[in-house]
Amino acid sequence: TGGDTSGIDRSRTIVNDQAMRDFLHSPIHGIGFEIADIAHFIYLQALAVGGLILLAGLIIYQAGALIRSARLARVERLAIPLFVAVLGEVIFNTLQNALTPTISYLAPALVAALPLDGLRRDGTATGQG
């Protein structure tokens, strides 16, 4: 607490600069998942490992989970905390590098599965439209 963090900040700057160089080296498809846990900013990390293709996929995935959970929240109460969880993950991703941990994908997976619960209960999927 209250310690000097300049060394940590410098390390993050070096790693993030390398991620940017990796992206610039191969901007369309990145340089590969071998370095998936290196950058300290998930969107920069996505650019480095998968280029614009992975970043676009990640943004579409996150936006889809947010939109789907917001729509489901109108008819399914469980979708409200899932929306908050997905929104929190999107915000948290701007501060850390969790591209590969599977726990990051739990809330969006639950959002995707939620209509199946409604289908099982009453024969119609919830949140359609």
Protein backbone atom coordinates (compact mmCIF):
# COMPACT_ATOMS: atom_id res chain seq x y z
CA THR A 1 0.00 0.00 0.00
CA GLY A 2 1.37 3.35 -1.00
CA GLY A 3 4.47 1.71 -2.51
CA ASP A 4 6.25 2.72 -5.66
CA THR A 5 4.48 1.24 -8.67
CA SER A 6 6.68 2.79 -11.35
CA GLY A 7 8.36 -0.57 -12.04
CA ILE A 8 5.03 -2.30 -12.58
CA ASP A 9 3.77 0.56 -14.74
CA ARG A 10 6.98 0.43 -16.80
CA SER A 11 6.60 -3.35 -17.26
CA ARG A 12 3.01 -2.94 -18.44
CA THR A 13 4.06 -0.22 -20.85
CA ILE A 14 6.74 -2.47 -22.32
CA VAL A 15 4.34 -5.42 -22.68
CA ASN A 16 1.59 -3.27 -24.19
CA ASP A 17 4.07 -1.66 -26.60
CA GLN A 18 5.12 -5.15 -27.70
CA ALA A 19 1.47 -6.13 -28.19
CA MET A 20 1.01 -3.07 -30.41
CA ARG A 21 4.12 -4.01 -32.43
CA ASP A 22 2.73 -7.56 -32.78
CA PHE A 23 -0.57 -6.17 -34.06
CA LEU A 24 1.16 -3.86 -36.52
CA HIS A 25 3.23 -6.80 -37.77
CA SER A 26 0.08 -8.80 -38.61
CA PRO A 27 -3.00 -6.57 -38.31
CA ILE A 28 -5.57 -8.80 -40.01
CA HIS A 29 -5.10 -12.13 -38.20
CA GLY A 30 -2.54 -11.39 -35.48
CA ILE A 31 0.49 -13.47 -34.62
CA GLY A 32 -1.15 -16.40 -32.81
CA PHE A 33 -2.49 -17.52 -29.46
CA GLU A 34 0.94 -18.50 -28.14
CA ILE A 35 1.14 -14.99 -26.65
CA ALA A 36 -2.51 -14.79 -25.53
CA ASP A 37 -1.68 -14.03 -21.89
CA ILE A 38 0.93 -11.33 -22.38
CA ALA A 39 -0.74 -7.93 -22.86
CA HIS A 40 -2.34 -6.15 -19.90
CA PHE A 41 -5.34 -4.85 -21.82
CA ILE A 42 -7.70 -7.42 -23.34
CA TYR A 43 -8.61 -5.48 -26.46
CA LEU A 44 -4.94 -4.83 -27.27
CA GLN A 45 -4.24 -8.46 -26.43
CA ALA A 46 -6.95 -9.54 -28.89
CA LEU A 47 -5.40 -7.35 -31.59
CA ALA A 48 -1.96 -8.86 -31.00
CA VAL A 49 -3.01 -12.52 -31.01
CA GLY A 50 -5.88 -12.48 -33.52
CA GLY A 51 -5.72 -9.12 -35.25
CA LEU A 52 -8.79 -7.27 -36.40
CA ILE A 53 -10.60 -10.58 -36.94
CA LEU A 54 -10.42 -11.57 -33.26
CA LEU A 55 -11.12 -8.05 -31.99
CA ALA A 56 -14.22 -7.81 -34.19
CA GLY A 57 -15.38 -11.23 -32.99
CA LEU A 58 -14.80 -10.31 -29.35
CA ILE A 59 -16.72 -7.05 -29.66
CA ILE A 60 -19.60 -8.74 -31.51
CA TYR A 61 -19.67 -11.49 -28.87
CA GLN A 62 -19.75 -9.02 -25.96
CA ALA A 63 -22.28 -6.73 -27.62
CA GLY A 64 -24.46 -9.72 -28.46
CA ALA A 65 -24.39 -10.93 -24.86
CA LEU A 66 -25.30 -7.45 -23.61
CA ILE A 67 -28.14 -7.00 -26.10
CA ARG A 68 -29.48 -10.51 -25.57
CA SER A 69 -29.45 -10.23 -21.77
CA ALA A 70 -31.12 -6.79 -21.94
CA ARG A 71 -33.89 -8.21 -24.14
CA LEU A 72 -34.31 -11.25 -21.93
CA ALA A 73 -34.52 -9.04 -18.82
CA ARG A 74 -37.97 -7.92 -19.99
CA VAL A 75 -39.36 -11.43 -19.58
CA GLU A 76 -36.89 -13.31 -17.36
CA ARG A 77 -35.75 -11.91 -14.00
CA LEU A 78 -32.55 -13.97 -14.00
CA ALA A 79 -31.39 -12.06 -17.06
CA ILE A 80 -31.02 -8.85 -15.02
CA PRO A 81 -28.05 -10.05 -12.91
CA LEU A 82 -26.63 -11.75 -15.99
CA PHE A 83 -26.78 -8.42 -17.84
CA VAL A 84 -24.96 -6.78 -14.93
CA ALA A 85 -22.37 -9.58 -14.94
CA VAL A 86 -21.76 -9.27 -18.68
CA LEU A 87 -21.54 -5.47 -18.45
CA GLY A 88 -19.12 -5.80 -15.54
CA GLU A 89 -16.98 -8.19 -17.57
CA VAL A 90 -16.89 -5.80 -20.53
CA ILE A 91 -15.79 -2.96 -18.23
CA PHE A 92 -13.33 -5.18 -16.35
CA ASN A 93 -11.79 -6.25 -19.65
CA THR A 94 -10.57 -2.70 -20.16
CA LEU A 95 -8.47 -3.08 -17.00
CA GLN A 96 -7.05 -6.59 -17.22
CA ASN A 97 -6.05 -9.38 -19.59
CA ALA A 98 -8.54 -12.22 -19.25
CA LEU A 99 -8.83 -13.35 -22.87
CA THR A 100 -8.17 -17.01 -22.13
CA PRO A 101 -9.63 -17.84 -18.67
CA THR A 102 -12.86 -19.76 -19.22
CA ILE A 103 -14.61 -18.11 -16.25
CA SER A 104 -14.78 -14.94 -18.37
CA TYR A 105 -17.30 -16.67 -20.61
CA LEU A 106 -19.64 -17.99 -17.91
CA ALA A 107 -22.15 -15.10 -17.79
CA PRO A 108 -22.51 -14.86 -21.59
CA ALA A 109 -22.95 -18.64 -21.75
CA LEU A 110 -25.72 -18.43 -19.17
CA VAL A 111 -27.36 -15.65 -21.19
CA ALA A 112 -27.25 -17.91 -24.24
CA ALA A 113 -28.73 -20.83 -22.29
CA LEU A 114 -31.46 -18.88 -20.52
CA PRO A 115 -34.02 -19.17 -23.35
CA LEU A 116 -33.60 -22.95 -23.18
CA ASP A 117 -34.84 -22.86 -19.59
CA GLY A 118 -37.95 -20.97 -20.71
CA LEU A 119 -38.46 -23.44 -23.53
CA ARG A 120 -38.24 -26.33 -21.11
CA ARG A 121 -40.77 -24.72 -18.76
CA ASP A 122 -43.51 -23.64 -21.14
CA GLY A 123 -42.66 -24.87 -24.60
CA THR A 124 -41.71 -21.43 -26.00
CA ALA A 125 -38.35 -19.68 -25.92
CA THR A 126 -38.19 -16.45 -23.91
CA GLY A 127 -36.83 -13.19 -25.22
CA GLN A 128 -37.58 -13.78 -28.87
CA GLY A 129 -37.67 -10.70 -31.06
